[in-house]
Amino acid sequence: MIKINLIPPEYIEKLNNRAIIAKAVAAGVITVALIVLLSGWHIARATAMELKMNRLEVELKTLQADVDRVKAIEAQIAEVQRYLDSINGIAKGRLVYTHFMQDLAVNLPGTIWFGAINTSLSGSTLSLTFTVKSNSAYDLAYWINALETNAKYSDVGVTAISAADSESGRTLSTTITVKYIYK
């Protein structure tokens, strides 16, 4: 069987051209619709972000007063801390002499006594020069050794030891220089 095409080729070509144009228009419409949808989505997202930003700015303004109060309180705390630190520095310097006398008397034998004590305070270090008298050479040597081995004392220096005879026996005299470190 033989088929005879009664439709002219120009008509088929025209239909094919219309189909291509329809496809191009459909692709254009879909592209425009997609662009419109994406633009709408971006605009909606930008609007939502702007609304959220405005809401957060209002919240920030309400909380800014609290933040300012906290900063003022922190400044007051820092001022009080500086005040307390200065008081502690003064109090620490005042206690050096008390602690020195307590530490000095701990190892002091009963046969030793002081003639004069000269002090000079620099921070928490107390520089001392004192004259010592003793009835016992052994006690004097023991006490000087105790000063040299104690970590609170440094730069222990002993001048010449002189001896004098009296009614109560022999008395030894010397001058000792030492640095006492208050810890």
Protein backbone atom coordinates (compact mmCIF):
# COMPACT_ATOMS: atom_id res chain seq x y z
CA MET A 1 0.00 0.00 0.00
CA ILE A 2 1.19 3.30 -0.96
CA LYS A 3 0.68 6.29 1.22
CA ILE A 4 0.10 9.57 -0.33
CA ASN A 5 0.76 12.64 1.71
CA LEU A 6 -1.90 15.18 0.90
CA ILE A 7 -0.56 17.79 3.34
CA PRO A 8 1.72 20.24 1.64
CA PRO A 9 5.31 20.36 3.03
CA GLU A 10 5.03 24.12 3.63
CA TYR A 11 2.15 23.51 6.02
CA ILE A 12 4.17 20.89 7.95
CA GLU A 13 7.13 23.27 8.09
CA LYS A 14 4.83 26.02 9.34
CA LEU A 15 3.50 23.69 12.06
CA ASN A 16 7.06 22.75 13.05
CA ASN A 17 8.00 26.45 13.22
CA ARG A 18 4.94 27.16 15.40
CA ALA A 19 5.91 24.26 17.69
CA ILE A 20 9.46 25.64 18.02
CA ILE A 21 8.07 29.12 18.74
CA ALA A 22 5.62 27.65 21.29
CA LYS A 23 8.47 25.78 22.98
CA ALA A 24 10.59 28.95 23.05
CA VAL A 25 7.68 30.97 24.48
CA ALA A 26 7.01 28.24 27.07
CA ALA A 27 10.70 28.21 28.03
CA GLY A 28 10.64 32.04 28.27
CA VAL A 29 7.46 31.99 30.39
CA ILE A 30 8.93 29.31 32.66
CA THR A 31 12.18 31.31 32.95
CA VAL A 32 10.31 34.53 33.74
CA ALA A 33 8.09 32.69 36.24
CA LEU A 34 11.16 31.16 37.85
CA ILE A 35 12.87 34.57 38.04
CA VAL A 36 9.70 36.10 39.51
CA LEU A 37 9.45 33.29 42.09
CA LEU A 38 13.11 33.55 43.05
CA SER A 39 12.88 37.35 43.23
CA GLY A 40 9.77 37.08 45.37
CA TRP A 41 11.51 34.61 47.64
CA HIS A 42 14.56 36.90 47.97
CA ILE A 43 12.35 39.92 48.63
CA ALA A 44 10.36 37.99 51.24
CA ARG A 45 13.57 36.81 52.88
CA ALA A 46 15.05 40.34 52.85
CA THR A 47 11.82 41.70 54.34
CA ALA A 48 11.86 39.02 57.04
CA MET A 49 15.51 39.80 57.81
CA GLU A 50 14.75 43.51 57.99
CA LEU A 51 11.83 42.87 60.34
CA LYS A 52 14.04 40.65 62.50
CA MET A 53 16.77 43.31 62.49
CA ASN A 54 14.27 45.99 63.55
CA ARG A 55 12.97 43.73 66.31
CA LEU A 56 16.53 43.02 67.51
CA GLU A 57 17.39 46.74 67.44
CA VAL A 58 14.37 47.45 69.63
CA GLU A 59 15.47 44.66 71.98
CA LEU A 60 19.02 46.05 71.97
CA LYS A 61 17.72 49.49 72.93
CA THR A 62 15.77 47.98 75.82
CA LEU A 63 18.80 45.98 76.97
CA GLN A 64 21.28 48.84 76.47
CA ALA A 65 20.21 50.37 79.78
CA ASP A 66 21.06 47.07 81.51
CA VAL A 67 24.41 46.92 79.71
CA ASP A 68 25.21 50.48 80.81
CA ARG A 69 24.29 49.60 84.40
CA VAL A 70 26.52 46.51 84.27
CA LYS A 71 29.43 48.60 82.96
CA ALA A 72 28.88 51.14 85.76
CA ILE A 73 28.82 48.33 88.34
CA GLU A 74 32.02 46.82 86.87
CA ALA A 75 33.69 50.24 87.11
CA GLN A 76 32.62 50.49 90.76
CA ILE A 77 33.93 46.98 91.43
CA ALA A 78 37.28 47.88 89.85
CA GLU A 79 37.45 51.05 91.97
CA VAL A 80 36.67 49.12 95.17
CA GLN A 81 39.26 46.48 94.21
CA ARG A 82 41.92 49.18 93.73
CA TYR A 83 40.97 50.61 97.12
CA LEU A 84 41.21 47.17 98.77
CA ASP A 85 44.56 46.50 97.08
CA SER A 86 45.96 49.75 98.45
CA ILE A 87 44.65 48.92 101.94
CA ASN A 88 46.18 45.43 101.71
CA GLY A 89 49.51 46.95 100.63
CA ILE A 90 49.48 49.27 103.63
CA ALA A 91 48.41 46.51 106.00
CA LYS A 92 51.07 44.16 104.68
CA GLY A 93 53.76 46.76 105.34
CA ARG A 94 52.46 47.29 108.86
CA LEU A 95 52.61 43.61 109.71
CA VAL A 96 56.23 43.15 108.64
CA TYR A 97 57.58 44.38 111.98
CA THR A 98 55.19 42.22 113.99
CA HIS A 99 56.03 39.09 112.03
CA PHE A 100 59.73 39.91 112.17
CA MET A 101 59.72 40.15 115.95
CA GLN A 102 57.76 36.89 116.22
CA ASP A 103 60.12 35.05 113.84
CA LEU A 104 63.17 36.51 115.56
CA ALA A 105 62.06 35.45 119.04
CA VAL A 106 61.31 31.84 118.00
CA ASN A 107 64.95 30.71 117.86
CA LEU A 108 66.43 33.28 120.25
CA PRO A 109 68.21 31.54 123.16
CA GLY A 110 67.71 32.92 126.66
CA THR A 111 71.37 33.93 126.96
CA ILE A 112 71.14 36.46 124.09
CA TRP A 113 69.73 39.99 124.28
CA PHE A 114 69.67 42.99 121.96
CA GLY A 115 71.36 46.34 122.46
CA ALA A 116 69.85 48.38 119.63
CA ILE A 117 67.88 47.50 116.48
CA ASN A 118 67.93 49.73 113.36
CA THR A 119 65.46 48.90 110.57
CA SER A 120 64.80 50.03 107.02
CA LEU A 121 61.70 48.79 105.15
CA SER A 122 61.64 48.47 101.35
CA GLY A 123 58.48 46.74 100.09
CA SER A 124 58.28 43.47 101.99
CA THR A 125 62.02 43.37 102.73
CA LEU A 126 63.25 44.65 106.08
CA SER A 127 66.96 45.53 106.32
CA LEU A 128 68.26 45.23 109.89
CA THR A 129 71.32 46.14 111.85
CA PHE A 130 71.36 45.18 115.52
CA THR A 131 73.83 44.73 118.31
CA VAL A 132 73.69 41.45 120.18
CA LYS A 133 75.09 40.50 123.56
CA SER A 134 75.40 36.95 124.82
CA ASN A 135 76.69 35.06 127.83
CA SER A 136 77.31 31.90 125.76
CA ALA A 137 79.48 31.52 122.66
CA TYR A 138 77.61 28.33 121.77
CA ASP A 139 74.20 30.01 121.93
CA LEU A 140 75.47 32.93 119.84
CA ALA A 141 76.88 30.54 117.20
CA TYR A 142 73.64 28.51 117.23
CA TRP A 143 71.49 31.61 116.75
CA ILE A 144 73.64 33.04 113.92
CA ASN A 145 73.45 29.63 112.20
CA ALA A 146 69.65 29.63 112.65
CA LEU A 147 69.49 33.03 110.92
CA GLU A 148 71.69 31.84 108.03
CA THR A 149 69.67 28.67 107.41
CA ASN A 150 66.21 30.25 107.70
CA ALA A 151 64.73 31.11 104.27
CA LYS A 152 63.18 34.32 105.63
CA TYR A 153 66.62 35.81 106.30
CA SER A 154 69.30 36.63 103.73
CA ASP A 155 72.63 38.46 103.56
CA VAL A 156 73.48 37.65 107.17
CA GLY A 157 76.64 39.51 108.17
CA VAL A 158 78.48 39.38 111.50
CA THR A 159 81.13 41.90 112.57
CA ALA A 160 83.98 41.14 114.94
CA ILE A 161 82.92 39.57 118.21
CA SER A 162 84.29 41.25 121.30
CA ALA A 163 84.44 39.74 124.76
CA ALA A 164 84.25 41.55 128.09
CA ASP A 165 84.50 40.13 131.59
CA SER A 166 81.95 41.23 134.18
CA GLU A 167 80.61 40.08 137.55
CA SER A 168 78.11 37.76 135.87
CA GLY A 169 80.76 36.19 133.64
CA ARG A 170 82.03 36.71 130.15
CA THR A 171 79.81 38.79 127.81
CA LEU A 172 80.20 38.57 124.02
CA SER A 173 79.13 41.52 121.82
CA THR A 174 78.73 41.79 118.03
CA THR A 175 76.78 43.65 115.37
CA ILE A 176 74.66 41.64 112.93
CA THR A 177 73.24 42.86 109.60
CA VAL A 178 70.50 40.86 107.94
CA LYS A 179 67.61 41.19 105.50
CA TYR A 180 64.25 39.81 106.57
CA ILE A 181 61.82 38.91 103.78
CA TYR A 182 58.17 38.87 104.80
CA LYS A 183 56.23 36.17 102.95
